[in-house]
Amino acid sequence: MEIAIHLPDDIAQRVRAQWEDLPRHVLESFVLDGFRARVLTTEDVRRLLGFETKFEVHAFLKDHEVPFYTLADLEHDRDTSRRLGL
């Protein structure tokens, strides 16, 4: 799916001065909001932003102060450890 937005020229000039690669900025903002809302997964983030590894995704999320390891993740890991007798 392709999505296009129309910006009046004066607004486009101002935002371009702030964010040189405006399409990338819009995509990253969309991805961050989607991940925060738990609509997008870390795999979705990786694919949408063209990262090769989950570590790149984690670094991106950390740079934007978005936690990627949740309490639910911790509980799942604890349950797994108990089942494995660790």
PDB file of N, CA and C in Angstrom:
ATOM      1  N   MET A   1       0.841  -1.164   0.000  1.00  0.00           N
ATOM      2  CA  MET A   1       0.000   0.000   0.000  1.00  0.00           C
ATOM      3  C   MET A   1       0.893   1.236   0.000  1.00  0.00           C
ATOM      4  N   GLU A   2       0.540   2.168  -0.794  1.00  0.00           N
ATOM      5  CA  GLU A   2       1.242   3.453  -0.825  1.00  0.00           C
ATOM      6  C   GLU A   2       0.323   4.495  -0.208  1.00  0.00           C
ATOM      7  N   ILE A   3       0.906   5.369   0.583  1.00  0.00           N
ATOM      8  CA  ILE A   3       0.152   6.447   1.206  1.00  0.00           C
ATOM      9  C   ILE A   3       0.832   7.757   0.841  1.00  0.00           C
ATOM     10  N   ALA A   4       0.039   8.718   0.426  1.00  0.00           N
ATOM     11  CA  ALA A   4       0.585  10.034   0.076  1.00  0.00           C
ATOM     12  C   ALA A   4      -0.110  11.094   0.920  1.00  0.00           C
ATOM     13  N   ILE A   5       0.637  12.129   1.275  1.00  0.00           N
ATOM     14  CA  ILE A   5       0.041  13.256   1.981  1.00  0.00           C
ATOM     15  C   ILE A   5       0.372  14.531   1.212  1.00  0.00           C
ATOM     16  N   HIS A   6      -0.519  15.467   1.286  1.00  0.00           N
ATOM     17  CA  HIS A   6      -0.297  16.750   0.618  1.00  0.00           C
ATOM     18  C   HIS A   6       0.080  17.781   1.675  1.00  0.00           C
ATOM     19  N   LEU A   7       1.211  18.449   1.456  1.00  0.00           N
ATOM     20  CA  LEU A   7       1.641  19.523   2.343  1.00  0.00           C
ATOM     21  C   LEU A   7       1.689  20.816   1.545  1.00  0.00           C
ATOM     22  N   PRO A   8       1.089  21.866   2.058  1.00  0.00           N
ATOM     23  CA  PRO A   8       1.254  23.168   1.399  1.00  0.00           C
ATOM     24  C   PRO A   8       2.745  23.510   1.339  1.00  0.00           C
ATOM     25  N   ASP A   9       3.146  24.232   0.302  1.00  0.00           N
ATOM     26  CA  ASP A   9       4.563  24.519   0.067  1.00  0.00           C
ATOM     27  C   ASP A   9       5.250  25.174   1.253  1.00  0.00           C
ATOM     28  N   ASP A  10       4.576  26.122   1.906  1.00  0.00           N
ATOM     29  CA  ASP A  10       5.226  26.817   3.022  1.00  0.00           C
ATOM     30  C   ASP A  10       5.500  25.866   4.193  1.00  0.00           C
ATOM     31  N   ILE A  11       4.575  24.960   4.447  1.00  0.00           N
ATOM     32  CA  ILE A  11       4.769  23.982   5.520  1.00  0.00           C
ATOM     33  C   ILE A  11       5.845  22.977   5.108  1.00  0.00           C
ATOM     34  N   ALA A  12       5.818  22.547   3.874  1.00  0.00           N
ATOM     35  CA  ALA A  12       6.826  21.597   3.386  1.00  0.00           C
ATOM     36  C   ALA A  12       8.226  22.174   3.538  1.00  0.00           C
ATOM     37  N   GLN A  13       8.412  23.438   3.255  1.00  0.00           N
ATOM     38  CA  GLN A  13       9.728  24.066   3.393  1.00  0.00           C
ATOM     39  C   GLN A  13      10.195  24.063   4.849  1.00  0.00           C
ATOM     40  N   ARG A  14       9.287  24.402   5.753  1.00  0.00           N
ATOM     41  CA  ARG A  14       9.656  24.422   7.180  1.00  0.00           C
ATOM     42  C   ARG A  14      10.019  23.049   7.697  1.00  0.00           C
ATOM     43  N   VAL A  15       9.215  22.052   7.388  1.00  0.00           N
ATOM     44  CA  VAL A  15       9.499  20.718   7.919  1.00  0.00           C
ATOM     45  C   VAL A  15      10.722  20.112   7.243  1.00  0.00           C
ATOM     46  N   ARG A  16      10.948  20.450   5.981  1.00  0.00           N
ATOM     47  CA  ARG A  16      12.139  19.955   5.298  1.00  0.00           C
ATOM     48  C   ARG A  16      13.408  20.552   5.914  1.00  0.00           C
ATOM     49  N   ALA A  17      13.301  21.764   6.424  1.00  0.00           N
ATOM     50  CA  ALA A  17      14.441  22.378   7.109  1.00  0.00           C
ATOM     51  C   ALA A  17      14.752  21.630   8.409  1.00  0.00           C
ATOM     52  N   GLN A  18      13.730  21.104   9.032  1.00  0.00           N
ATOM     53  CA  GLN A  18      13.902  20.346  10.279  1.00  0.00           C
ATOM     54  C   GLN A  18      14.329  18.902  10.009  1.00  0.00           C
ATOM     55  N   TRP A  19      13.665  18.266   9.054  1.00  0.00           N
ATOM     56  CA  TRP A  19      13.916  16.864   8.730  1.00  0.00           C
ATOM     57  C   TRP A  19      14.227  16.755   7.243  1.00  0.00           C
ATOM     58  N   GLU A  20      15.489  16.617   6.944  1.00  0.00           N
ATOM     59  CA  GLU A  20      15.915  16.595   5.540  1.00  0.00           C
ATOM     60  C   GLU A  20      15.236  15.487   4.749  1.00  0.00           C
ATOM     61  N   ASP A  21      15.192  14.277   5.334  1.00  0.00           N
ATOM     62  CA  ASP A  21      14.547  13.142   4.669  1.00  0.00           C
ATOM     63  C   ASP A  21      13.147  12.985   5.255  1.00  0.00           C
ATOM     64  N   LEU A  22      12.251  13.822   4.800  1.00  0.00           N
ATOM     65  CA  LEU A  22      10.894  13.846   5.352  1.00  0.00           C
ATOM     66  C   LEU A  22      10.161  12.513   5.191  1.00  0.00           C
ATOM     67  N   PRO A  23      10.225  11.850   4.046  1.00  0.00           N
ATOM     68  CA  PRO A  23       9.536  10.552   3.949  1.00  0.00           C
ATOM     69  C   PRO A  23      10.035   9.544   4.993  1.00  0.00           C
ATOM     70  N   ARG A  24      11.342   9.516   5.234  1.00  0.00           N
ATOM     71  CA  ARG A  24      11.882   8.591   6.243  1.00  0.00           C
ATOM     72  C   ARG A  24      11.394   8.982   7.627  1.00  0.00           C
ATOM     73  N   HIS A  25      11.375  10.277   7.913  1.00  0.00           N
ATOM     74  CA  HIS A  25      10.902  10.743   9.218  1.00  0.00           C
ATOM     75  C   HIS A  25       9.435  10.337   9.436  1.00  0.00           C
ATOM     76  N   VAL A  26       8.622  10.511   8.429  1.00  0.00           N
ATOM     77  CA  VAL A  26       7.205  10.139   8.541  1.00  0.00           C
ATOM     78  C   VAL A  26       7.078   8.636   8.760  1.00  0.00           C
ATOM     79  N   LEU A  27       7.847   7.849   8.009  1.00  0.00           N
ATOM     80  CA  LEU A  27       7.806   6.396   8.170  1.00  0.00           C
ATOM     81  C   LEU A  27       8.238   5.987   9.577  1.00  0.00           C
ATOM     82  N   GLU A  28       9.340   6.569  10.064  1.00  0.00           N
ATOM     83  CA  GLU A  28       9.817   6.226  11.406  1.00  0.00           C
ATOM     84  C   GLU A  28       8.787   6.620  12.469  1.00  0.00           C
ATOM     85  N   SER A  29       8.162   7.772  12.310  1.00  0.00           N
ATOM     86  CA  SER A  29       7.134   8.202  13.269  1.00  0.00           C
ATOM     87  C   SER A  29       5.963   7.224  13.275  1.00  0.00           C
ATOM     88  N   PHE A  30       5.543   6.802  12.087  1.00  0.00           N
ATOM     89  CA  PHE A  30       4.459   5.829  11.963  1.00  0.00           C
ATOM     90  C   PHE A  30       4.830   4.521  12.656  1.00  0.00           C
ATOM     91  N   VAL A  31       6.056   4.056  12.405  1.00  0.00           N
ATOM     92  CA  VAL A  31       6.525   2.800  12.989  1.00  0.00           C
ATOM     93  C   VAL A  31       6.591   2.890  14.513  1.00  0.00           C
ATOM     94  N   LEU A  32       7.129   3.996  15.019  1.00  0.00           N
ATOM     95  CA  LEU A  32       7.212   4.165  16.474  1.00  0.00           C
ATOM     96  C   LEU A  32       5.826   4.176  17.109  1.00  0.00           C
ATOM     97  N   ASP A  33       4.890   4.906  16.523  1.00  0.00           N
ATOM     98  CA  ASP A  33       3.525   4.935  17.068  1.00  0.00           C
ATOM     99  C   ASP A  33       2.887   3.552  16.999  1.00  0.00           C
ATOM    100  N   GLY A  34       3.088   2.860  15.890  1.00  0.00           N
ATOM    101  CA  GLY A  34       2.526   1.517  15.744  1.00  0.00           C
ATOM    102  C   GLY A  34       3.105   0.539  16.734  1.00  0.00           C
ATOM    103  N   PHE A  35       4.402   0.650  16.996  1.00  0.00           N
ATOM    104  CA  PHE A  35       5.032  -0.247  17.962  1.00  0.00           C
ATOM    105  C   PHE A  35       4.561   0.074  19.375  1.00  0.00           C
ATOM    106  N   ARG A  36       4.503   1.362  19.713  1.00  0.00           N
ATOM    107  CA  ARG A  36       4.028   1.751  21.057  1.00  0.00           C
ATOM    108  C   ARG A  36       2.608   1.250  21.311  1.00  0.00           C
ATOM    109  N   ALA A  37       1.779   1.279  20.275  1.00  0.00           N
ATOM    110  CA  ALA A  37       0.388   0.831  20.399  1.00  0.00           C
ATOM    111  C   ALA A  37       0.267  -0.692  20.323  1.00  0.00           C
ATOM    112  N   ARG A  38       1.391  -1.379  20.132  1.00  0.00           N
ATOM    113  CA  ARG A  38       1.444  -2.834  20.008  1.00  0.00           C
ATOM    114  C   ARG A  38       0.676  -3.338  18.785  1.00  0.00           C
ATOM    115  N   VAL A  39       0.573  -2.479  17.768  1.00  0.00           N
ATOM    116  CA  VAL A  39      -0.006  -2.879  16.487  1.00  0.00           C
ATOM    117  C   VAL A  39       1.086  -3.502  15.626  1.00  0.00           C
ATOM    118  N   LEU A  40       2.308  -2.982  15.765  1.00  0.00           N
ATOM    119  CA  LEU A  40       3.453  -3.492  15.019  1.00  0.00           C
ATOM    120  C   LEU A  40       4.380  -4.265  15.945  1.00  0.00           C
ATOM    121  N   THR A  41       4.946  -5.322  15.433  1.00  0.00           N
ATOM    122  CA  THR A  41       5.907  -6.134  16.182  1.00  0.00           C
ATOM    123  C   THR A  41       7.328  -5.675  15.860  1.00  0.00           C
ATOM    124  N   THR A  42       8.302  -6.208  16.589  1.00  0.00           N
ATOM    125  CA  THR A  42       9.691  -5.875  16.272  1.00  0.00           C
ATOM    126  C   THR A  42      10.048  -6.377  14.873  1.00  0.00           C
ATOM    127  N   GLU A  43       9.477  -7.486  14.459  1.00  0.00           N
ATOM    128  CA  GLU A  43       9.716  -7.980  13.093  1.00  0.00           C
ATOM    129  C   GLU A  43       9.123  -7.026  12.061  1.00  0.00           C
ATOM    130  N   ASP A  44       7.942  -6.472  12.347  1.00  0.00           N
ATOM    131  CA  ASP A  44       7.354  -5.474  11.453  1.00  0.00           C
ATOM    132  C   ASP A  44       8.258  -4.245  11.352  1.00  0.00           C
ATOM    133  N   VAL A  45       8.766  -3.806  12.500  1.00  0.00           N
ATOM    134  CA  VAL A  45       9.669  -2.648  12.532  1.00  0.00           C
ATOM    135  C   VAL A  45      10.894  -2.937  11.674  1.00  0.00           C
ATOM    136  N   ARG A  46      11.456  -4.120  11.836  1.00  0.00           N
ATOM    137  CA  ARG A  46      12.638  -4.495  11.064  1.00  0.00           C
ATOM    138  C   ARG A  46      12.371  -4.430   9.568  1.00  0.00           C
ATOM    139  N   ARG A  47      11.266  -5.014   9.152  1.00  0.00           N
ATOM    140  CA  ARG A  47      10.928  -5.044   7.725  1.00  0.00           C
ATOM    141  C   ARG A  47      10.630  -3.652   7.176  1.00  0.00           C
ATOM    142  N   LEU A  48       9.825  -2.881   7.899  1.00  0.00           N
ATOM    143  CA  LEU A  48       9.426  -1.565   7.408  1.00  0.00           C
ATOM    144  C   LEU A  48      10.598  -0.597   7.286  1.00  0.00           C
ATOM    145  N   LEU A  49      11.548  -0.698   8.208  1.00  0.00           N
ATOM    146  CA  LEU A  49      12.670   0.237   8.193  1.00  0.00           C
ATOM    147  C   LEU A  49      13.908  -0.319   7.496  1.00  0.00           C
ATOM    148  N   GLY A  50      13.819  -1.563   7.024  1.00  0.00           N
ATOM    149  CA  GLY A  50      14.912  -2.137   6.259  1.00  0.00           C
ATOM    150  C   GLY A  50      16.117  -2.560   7.079  1.00  0.00           C
ATOM    151  N   PHE A  51      15.889  -2.870   8.347  1.00  0.00           N
ATOM    152  CA  PHE A  51      16.977  -3.348   9.192  1.00  0.00           C
ATOM    153  C   PHE A  51      17.221  -4.827   8.902  1.00  0.00           C
ATOM    154  N   GLU A  52      18.469  -5.239   9.067  1.00  0.00           N
ATOM    155  CA  GLU A  52      18.793  -6.640   8.824  1.00  0.00           C
ATOM    156  C   GLU A  52      18.668  -7.506  10.071  1.00  0.00           C
ATOM    157  N   THR A  53      18.853  -6.909  11.252  1.00  0.00           N
ATOM    158  CA  THR A  53      18.833  -7.703  12.476  1.00  0.00           C
ATOM    159  C   THR A  53      17.903  -7.083  13.516  1.00  0.00           C
ATOM    160  N   LYS A  54      17.519  -7.927  14.480  1.00  0.00           N
ATOM    161  CA  LYS A  54      16.698  -7.426  15.583  1.00  0.00           C
ATOM    162  C   LYS A  54      17.493  -6.467  16.461  1.00  0.00           C
ATOM    163  N   PHE A  55      18.819  -6.603  16.445  1.00  0.00           N
ATOM    164  CA  PHE A  55      19.646  -5.698  17.244  1.00  0.00           C
ATOM    165  C   PHE A  55      19.582  -4.270  16.709  1.00  0.00           C
ATOM    166  N   GLU A  56      19.461  -4.128  15.392  1.00  0.00           N
ATOM    167  CA  GLU A  56      19.273  -2.799  14.803  1.00  0.00           C
ATOM    168  C   GLU A  56      17.921  -2.217  15.235  1.00  0.00           C
ATOM    169  N   VAL A  57      16.916  -3.083  15.283  1.00  0.00           N
ATOM    170  CA  VAL A  57      15.588  -2.647  15.745  1.00  0.00           C
ATOM    171  C   VAL A  57      15.673  -2.187  17.189  1.00  0.00           C
ATOM    172  N   HIS A  58      16.327  -2.984  18.040  1.00  0.00           N
ATOM    173  CA  HIS A  58      16.444  -2.623  19.448  1.00  0.00           C
ATOM    174  C   HIS A  58      17.189  -1.312  19.612  1.00  0.00           C
ATOM    175  N   ALA A  59      18.241  -1.090  18.835  1.00  0.00           N
ATOM    176  CA  ALA A  59      18.991   0.167  18.905  1.00  0.00           C
ATOM    177  C   ALA A  59      18.121   1.341  18.472  1.00  0.00           C
ATOM    178  N   PHE A  60      17.341   1.159  17.411  1.00  0.00           N
ATOM    179  CA  PHE A  60      16.432   2.199  16.942  1.00  0.00           C
ATOM    180  C   PHE A  60      15.412   2.549  18.026  1.00  0.00           C
ATOM    181  N   LEU A  61      14.809   1.530  18.615  1.00  0.00           N
ATOM    182  CA  LEU A  61      13.810   1.771  19.663  1.00  0.00           C
ATOM    183  C   LEU A  61      14.447   2.434  20.878  1.00  0.00           C
ATOM    184  N   LYS A  62      15.635   1.996  21.246  1.00  0.00           N
ATOM    185  CA  LYS A  62      16.339   2.598  22.379  1.00  0.00           C
ATOM    186  C   LYS A  62      16.662   4.062  22.099  1.00  0.00           C
ATOM    187  N   ASP A  63      17.112   4.362  20.886  1.00  0.00           N
ATOM    188  CA  ASP A  63      17.418   5.751  20.504  1.00  0.00           C
ATOM    189  C   ASP A  63      16.199   6.658  20.633  1.00  0.00           C
ATOM    190  N   HIS A  64      15.017   6.062  20.461  1.00  0.00           N
ATOM    191  CA  HIS A  64      13.773   6.832  20.556  1.00  0.00           C
ATOM    192  C   HIS A  64      13.066   6.624  21.898  1.00  0.00           C
ATOM    193  N   GLU A  65      13.799   6.020  22.843  1.00  0.00           N
ATOM    194  CA  GLU A  65      13.307   5.808  24.204  1.00  0.00           C
ATOM    195  C   GLU A  65      11.991   5.035  24.252  1.00  0.00           C
ATOM    196  N   VAL A  66      11.924   4.010  23.408  1.00  0.00           N
ATOM    197  CA  VAL A  66      10.746   3.140  23.365  1.00  0.00           C
ATOM    198  C   VAL A  66      11.161   1.776  23.893  1.00  0.00           C
ATOM    199  N   PRO A  67      10.602   1.355  25.038  1.00  0.00           N
ATOM    200  CA  PRO A  67      10.978   0.042  25.578  1.00  0.00           C
ATOM    201  C   PRO A  67      10.515  -1.078  24.646  1.00  0.00           C
ATOM    202  N   PHE A  68      11.401  -2.056  24.454  1.00  0.00           N
ATOM    203  CA  PHE A  68      11.045  -3.173  23.588  1.00  0.00           C
ATOM    204  C   PHE A  68      10.966  -4.478  24.363  1.00  0.00           C
ATOM    205  N   TYR A  69      11.402  -4.474  25.608  1.00  0.00           N
ATOM    206  CA  TYR A  69      11.303  -5.669  26.459  1.00  0.00           C
ATOM    207  C   TYR A  69      10.299  -5.341  27.544  1.00  0.00           C
ATOM    208  N   THR A  70       9.161  -5.966  27.480  1.00  0.00           N
ATOM    209  CA  THR A  70       8.062  -5.628  28.370  1.00  0.00           C
ATOM    210  C   THR A  70       8.022  -6.551  29.589  1.00  0.00           C
ATOM    211  N   LEU A  71       7.185  -6.188  30.528  1.00  0.00           N
ATOM    212  CA  LEU A  71       6.959  -7.030  31.697  1.00  0.00           C
ATOM    213  C   LEU A  71       6.420  -8.393  31.259  1.00  0.00           C
ATOM    214  N   ALA A  72       5.573  -8.402  30.248  1.00  0.00           N
ATOM    215  CA  ALA A  72       5.050  -9.670  29.730  1.00  0.00           C
ATOM    216  C   ALA A  72       6.184 -10.531  29.175  1.00  0.00           C
ATOM    217  N   ASP A  73       7.155  -9.888  28.511  1.00  0.00           N
ATOM    218  CA  ASP A  73       8.321 -10.630  28.010  1.00  0.00           C
ATOM    219  C   ASP A  73       9.094 -11.258  29.166  1.00  0.00           C
ATOM    220  N   LEU A  74       9.289 -10.497  30.226  1.00  0.00           N
ATOM    221  CA  LEU A  74      10.007 -10.998  31.397  1.00  0.00           C
ATOM    222  C   LEU A  74       9.277 -12.187  32.007  1.00  0.00           C
ATOM    223  N   GLU A  75       7.972 -12.070  32.170  1.00  0.00           N
ATOM    224  CA  GLU A  75       7.190 -13.162  32.738  1.00  0.00           C
ATOM    225  C   GLU A  75       7.260 -14.404  31.858  1.00  0.00           C
ATOM    226  N   HIS A  76       7.210 -14.203  30.564  1.00  0.00           N
ATOM    227  CA  HIS A  76       7.318 -15.335  29.636  1.00  0.00           C
ATOM    228  C   HIS A  76       8.680 -16.012  29.783  1.00  0.00           C
ATOM    229  N   ASP A  77       9.734 -15.216  29.865  1.00  0.00           N
ATOM    230  CA  ASP A  77      11.082 -15.771  30.035  1.00  0.00           C
ATOM    231  C   ASP A  77      11.221 -16.507  31.370  1.00  0.00           C
ATOM    232  N   ARG A  78      10.618 -15.969  32.416  1.00  0.00           N
ATOM    233  CA  ARG A  78      10.658 -16.654  33.721  1.00  0.00           C
ATOM    234  C   ARG A  78       9.946 -17.990  33.666  1.00  0.00           C
ATOM    235  N   ASP A  79       8.762 -18.008  33.028  1.00  0.00           N
ATOM    236  CA  ASP A  79       8.017 -19.262  32.891  1.00  0.00           C
ATOM    237  C   ASP A  79       8.825 -20.286  32.105  1.00  0.00           C
ATOM    238  N   THR A  80       9.460 -19.852  31.050  1.00  0.00           N
ATOM    239  CA  THR A  80      10.280 -20.739  30.245  1.00  0.00           C
ATOM    240  C   THR A  80      11.428 -21.299  31.055  1.00  0.00           C
ATOM    241  N   SER A  81      12.086 -20.444  31.831  1.00  0.00           N
ATOM    242  CA  SER A  81      13.196 -20.901  32.681  1.00  0.00           C
ATOM    243  C   SER A  81      12.728 -21.935  33.691  1.00  0.00           C
ATOM    244  N   ARG A  82      11.561 -21.706  34.308  1.00  0.00           N
ATOM    245  CA  ARG A  82      11.028 -22.670  35.273  1.00  0.00           C
ATOM    246  C   ARG A  82      10.743 -24.014  34.623  1.00  0.00           C
ATOM    247  N   ARG A  83      10.138 -23.966  33.445  1.00  0.00           N
ATOM    248  CA  ARG A  83       9.809 -25.219  32.736  1.00  0.00           C
ATOM    249  C   ARG A  83      11.072 -25.993  32.372  1.00  0.00           C
ATOM    250  N   LEU A  84      12.119 -25.268  32.049  1.00  0.00           N
ATOM    251  CA  LEU A  84      13.372 -25.911  31.666  1.00  0.00           C
ATOM    252  C   LEU A  84      14.221 -26.288  32.870  1.00  0.00           C
ATOM    253  N   GLY A  85      13.765 -25.887  34.067  1.00  0.00           N
ATOM    254  CA  GLY A  85      14.481 -26.219  35.293  1.00  0.00           C
ATOM    255  C   GLY A  85      15.748 -25.408  35.476  1.00  0.00           C
ATOM    256  N   LEU A  86      15.742 -24.208  34.941  1.00  0.00           N
ATOM    257  CA  LEU A  86      16.944 -23.350  35.084  1.00  0.00           C
ATOM    258  C   LEU A  86      16.858 -22.465  36.286  1.00  0.00           C
TER     259      LEU A  86
END
